[in-house]
Amino acid sequence: MGQQRRRIKHTTSFQERLLQQAAELQKSADQLPPGVERELLMKRVRQAEMALKIDDWLAVPGSAPPAALGAMKREPNVS
């Protein structure tokens, strides 16, 4: 039989983990000089914040999508 998936029992909620991740990424980005690496971290901060908005939206049945969701667009790749 195949491998079993590893199960993780989280001690914090999904929202708390996203908030913590966004705060840590923001702190790391603030310590960097302007440049590609900082922009990549800021992109991840924005992604975590958008995930929070989407999670809030999905938690309320029948609610309208967040306004920012309609304005989402692909960000250019930073190489």
N, C-alpha and C. Protein backbone atom coordinates (compact mmCIF):
# COMPACT_ATOMS: atom_id res chain seq x y z
N MET A 1 0.84 -1.18 0.00
CA MET A 1 0.00 0.00 0.00
C MET A 1 0.89 1.24 0.00
N GLY A 2 0.41 2.37 -0.50
CA GLY A 2 1.18 3.60 -0.61
C GLY A 2 1.47 4.25 0.72
N GLN A 3 2.22 5.32 0.65
CA GLN A 3 2.58 6.06 1.86
C GLN A 3 1.36 6.76 2.43
N GLN A 4 1.34 6.87 3.74
CA GLN A 4 0.28 7.63 4.39
C GLN A 4 0.70 9.08 4.50
N ARG A 5 -0.28 9.97 4.37
CA ARG A 5 0.00 11.40 4.53
C ARG A 5 0.33 11.70 5.97
N ARG A 6 1.27 12.60 6.15
CA ARG A 6 1.56 13.05 7.51
C ARG A 6 0.49 14.04 7.93
N ARG A 7 -0.07 13.82 9.07
CA ARG A 7 -1.10 14.70 9.60
C ARG A 7 -0.48 15.61 10.64
N ILE A 8 -0.84 16.87 10.59
CA ILE A 8 -0.32 17.84 11.55
C ILE A 8 -1.49 18.39 12.34
N LYS A 9 -1.37 18.36 13.64
CA LYS A 9 -2.40 18.93 14.51
C LYS A 9 -1.95 20.35 14.86
N HIS A 10 -2.59 21.34 14.25
CA HIS A 10 -2.22 22.73 14.49
C HIS A 10 -2.77 23.19 15.83
N THR A 11 -1.96 23.98 16.52
CA THR A 11 -2.40 24.51 17.81
C THR A 11 -2.98 25.91 17.67
N THR A 12 -2.80 26.52 16.49
CA THR A 12 -3.35 27.85 16.24
C THR A 12 -4.24 27.78 15.00
N SER A 13 -5.14 28.73 14.88
CA SER A 13 -6.05 28.74 13.74
C SER A 13 -5.32 29.15 12.46
N PHE A 14 -5.97 28.89 11.35
CA PHE A 14 -5.42 29.26 10.05
C PHE A 14 -5.18 30.77 9.99
N GLN A 15 -6.15 31.54 10.47
CA GLN A 15 -6.01 33.00 10.45
C GLN A 15 -4.84 33.46 11.32
N GLU A 16 -4.68 32.86 12.49
CA GLU A 16 -3.56 33.24 13.36
C GLU A 16 -2.22 32.93 12.70
N ARG A 17 -2.16 31.78 12.02
CA ARG A 17 -0.91 31.42 11.34
C ARG A 17 -0.62 32.38 10.18
N LEU A 18 -1.66 32.77 9.44
CA LEU A 18 -1.46 33.73 8.35
C LEU A 18 -1.02 35.09 8.88
N LEU A 19 -1.65 35.55 9.96
CA LEU A 19 -1.27 36.83 10.56
C LEU A 19 0.18 36.80 11.04
N GLN A 20 0.56 35.70 11.67
CA GLN A 20 1.93 35.57 12.17
C GLN A 20 2.91 35.56 11.00
N GLN A 21 2.58 34.82 9.95
CA GLN A 21 3.46 34.76 8.79
C GLN A 21 3.61 36.14 8.15
N ALA A 22 2.50 36.86 7.99
CA ALA A 22 2.56 38.19 7.38
C ALA A 22 3.41 39.13 8.23
N ALA A 23 3.26 39.06 9.55
CA ALA A 23 4.04 39.93 10.44
C ALA A 23 5.53 39.61 10.36
N GLU A 24 5.86 38.33 10.33
CA GLU A 24 7.27 37.93 10.25
C GLU A 24 7.88 38.35 8.91
N LEU A 25 7.13 38.16 7.84
CA LEU A 25 7.63 38.56 6.52
C LEU A 25 7.80 40.08 6.44
N GLN A 26 6.84 40.82 7.00
CA GLN A 26 6.93 42.28 7.00
C GLN A 26 8.16 42.74 7.78
N LYS A 27 8.40 42.12 8.91
CA LYS A 27 9.56 42.47 9.74
C LYS A 27 10.86 42.20 8.97
N SER A 28 10.91 41.06 8.30
CA SER A 28 12.10 40.72 7.51
C SER A 28 12.30 41.71 6.37
N ALA A 29 11.20 42.06 5.70
CA ALA A 29 11.29 42.99 4.57
C ALA A 29 11.73 44.37 5.03
N ASP A 30 11.27 44.79 6.21
CA ASP A 30 11.63 46.11 6.72
C ASP A 30 13.13 46.22 7.01
N GLN A 31 13.77 45.10 7.24
CA GLN A 31 15.20 45.11 7.56
C GLN A 31 16.08 45.09 6.31
N LEU A 32 15.47 44.89 5.15
CA LEU A 32 16.24 44.83 3.91
C LEU A 32 16.24 46.17 3.19
N PRO A 33 17.31 46.44 2.45
CA PRO A 33 17.30 47.64 1.61
C PRO A 33 16.38 47.42 0.42
N PRO A 34 15.92 48.50 -0.21
CA PRO A 34 15.07 48.34 -1.39
C PRO A 34 15.76 47.46 -2.43
N GLY A 35 14.99 46.58 -3.04
CA GLY A 35 15.55 45.70 -4.05
C GLY A 35 14.64 44.51 -4.30
N VAL A 36 15.15 43.59 -5.07
CA VAL A 36 14.37 42.43 -5.50
C VAL A 36 13.96 41.56 -4.32
N GLU A 37 14.89 41.27 -3.43
CA GLU A 37 14.59 40.38 -2.30
C GLU A 37 13.48 40.98 -1.42
N ARG A 38 13.57 42.28 -1.18
CA ARG A 38 12.55 42.95 -0.37
C ARG A 38 11.19 42.90 -1.06
N GLU A 39 11.18 43.14 -2.37
CA GLU A 39 9.92 43.10 -3.11
C GLU A 39 9.29 41.72 -3.09
N LEU A 40 10.11 40.67 -3.15
CA LEU A 40 9.58 39.32 -3.07
C LEU A 40 8.94 39.05 -1.71
N LEU A 41 9.57 39.54 -0.65
CA LEU A 41 8.98 39.38 0.69
C LEU A 41 7.67 40.17 0.80
N MET A 42 7.65 41.38 0.25
CA MET A 42 6.44 42.19 0.30
C MET A 42 5.30 41.53 -0.50
N LYS A 43 5.66 40.87 -1.59
CA LYS A 43 4.65 40.14 -2.37
C LYS A 43 4.04 39.03 -1.52
N ARG A 44 4.87 38.33 -0.76
CA ARG A 44 4.37 37.27 0.11
C ARG A 44 3.50 37.83 1.23
N VAL A 45 3.83 39.03 1.72
CA VAL A 45 2.99 39.69 2.73
C VAL A 45 1.61 39.96 2.13
N ARG A 46 1.58 40.51 0.93
CA ARG A 46 0.30 40.81 0.28
C ARG A 46 -0.50 39.53 0.03
N GLN A 47 0.18 38.44 -0.32
CA GLN A 47 -0.51 37.18 -0.55
C GLN A 47 -1.14 36.66 0.74
N ALA A 48 -0.42 36.77 1.84
CA ALA A 48 -0.96 36.32 3.14
C ALA A 48 -2.17 37.18 3.53
N GLU A 49 -2.07 38.49 3.29
CA GLU A 49 -3.19 39.37 3.61
C GLU A 49 -4.41 39.06 2.74
N MET A 50 -4.18 38.76 1.47
CA MET A 50 -5.29 38.41 0.58
C MET A 50 -5.90 37.08 1.01
N ALA A 51 -5.08 36.14 1.43
CA ALA A 51 -5.59 34.85 1.91
C ALA A 51 -6.49 35.06 3.12
N LEU A 52 -6.13 36.00 3.99
CA LEU A 52 -6.98 36.31 5.15
C LEU A 52 -8.33 36.85 4.70
N LYS A 53 -8.31 37.74 3.72
CA LYS A 53 -9.57 38.31 3.21
C LYS A 53 -10.44 37.24 2.58
N ILE A 54 -9.82 36.36 1.82
CA ILE A 54 -10.57 35.28 1.17
C ILE A 54 -11.14 34.33 2.21
N ASP A 55 -10.35 34.01 3.23
CA ASP A 55 -10.82 33.13 4.30
C ASP A 55 -12.01 33.75 5.02
N ASP A 56 -11.95 35.05 5.30
CA ASP A 56 -13.08 35.75 5.93
C ASP A 56 -14.31 35.68 5.03
N TRP A 57 -14.11 35.89 3.74
CA TRP A 57 -15.21 35.87 2.79
C TRP A 57 -15.87 34.50 2.74
N LEU A 58 -15.05 33.45 2.72
CA LEU A 58 -15.59 32.09 2.64
C LEU A 58 -16.30 31.67 3.92
N ALA A 59 -15.97 32.30 5.02
CA ALA A 59 -16.57 31.93 6.31
C ALA A 59 -18.01 32.41 6.44
N VAL A 60 -18.42 33.38 5.62
CA VAL A 60 -19.77 33.93 5.71
C VAL A 60 -20.55 33.53 4.46
N PRO A 61 -21.49 32.59 4.60
CA PRO A 61 -22.25 32.15 3.43
C PRO A 61 -23.04 33.30 2.80
N GLY A 62 -23.01 33.37 1.49
CA GLY A 62 -23.80 34.36 0.76
C GLY A 62 -23.20 35.75 0.73
N SER A 63 -22.01 35.93 1.26
CA SER A 63 -21.42 37.27 1.26
C SER A 63 -20.76 37.56 -0.09
N ALA A 64 -20.65 38.84 -0.38
CA ALA A 64 -20.01 39.27 -1.62
C ALA A 64 -18.50 39.13 -1.48
N PRO A 65 -17.82 38.88 -2.58
CA PRO A 65 -16.36 38.77 -2.50
C PRO A 65 -15.73 40.09 -2.09
N PRO A 66 -14.55 40.04 -1.47
CA PRO A 66 -13.87 41.28 -1.09
C PRO A 66 -13.62 42.14 -2.32
N ALA A 67 -13.68 43.45 -2.14
CA ALA A 67 -13.46 44.37 -3.26
C ALA A 67 -12.09 44.15 -3.88
N ALA A 68 -11.10 43.88 -3.06
CA ALA A 68 -9.74 43.69 -3.57
C ALA A 68 -9.65 42.44 -4.44
N LEU A 69 -10.53 41.49 -4.23
CA LEU A 69 -10.49 40.26 -5.01
C LEU A 69 -10.79 40.54 -6.48
N GLY A 70 -11.70 41.45 -6.73
CA GLY A 70 -12.01 41.81 -8.11
C GLY A 70 -10.87 42.53 -8.79
N ALA A 71 -10.05 43.21 -8.01
CA ALA A 71 -8.94 43.97 -8.56
C ALA A 71 -7.66 43.15 -8.65
N MET A 72 -7.75 41.87 -8.24
CA MET A 72 -6.54 41.04 -8.27
C MET A 72 -6.07 40.88 -9.70
N LYS A 73 -4.80 40.95 -9.87
CA LYS A 73 -4.21 40.72 -11.17
C LYS A 73 -2.88 40.04 -10.95
N ARG A 74 -2.40 39.42 -11.96
CA ARG A 74 -1.10 38.76 -11.85
C ARG A 74 -0.03 39.82 -11.72
N GLU A 75 0.80 39.62 -10.72
CA GLU A 75 1.93 40.53 -10.55
C GLU A 75 3.05 40.06 -11.46
N PRO A 76 3.81 40.99 -12.02
CA PRO A 76 4.91 40.58 -12.89
C PRO A 76 5.95 39.79 -12.10
N ASN A 77 6.54 38.82 -12.76
CA ASN A 77 7.59 38.04 -12.12
C ASN A 77 8.81 38.91 -11.91
N VAL A 78 9.36 38.82 -10.71
CA VAL A 78 10.58 39.57 -10.41
C VAL A 78 11.74 38.59 -10.55
N SER A 79 12.61 38.86 -11.48
CA SER A 79 13.74 37.94 -11.70
C SER A 79 15.03 38.56 -11.26
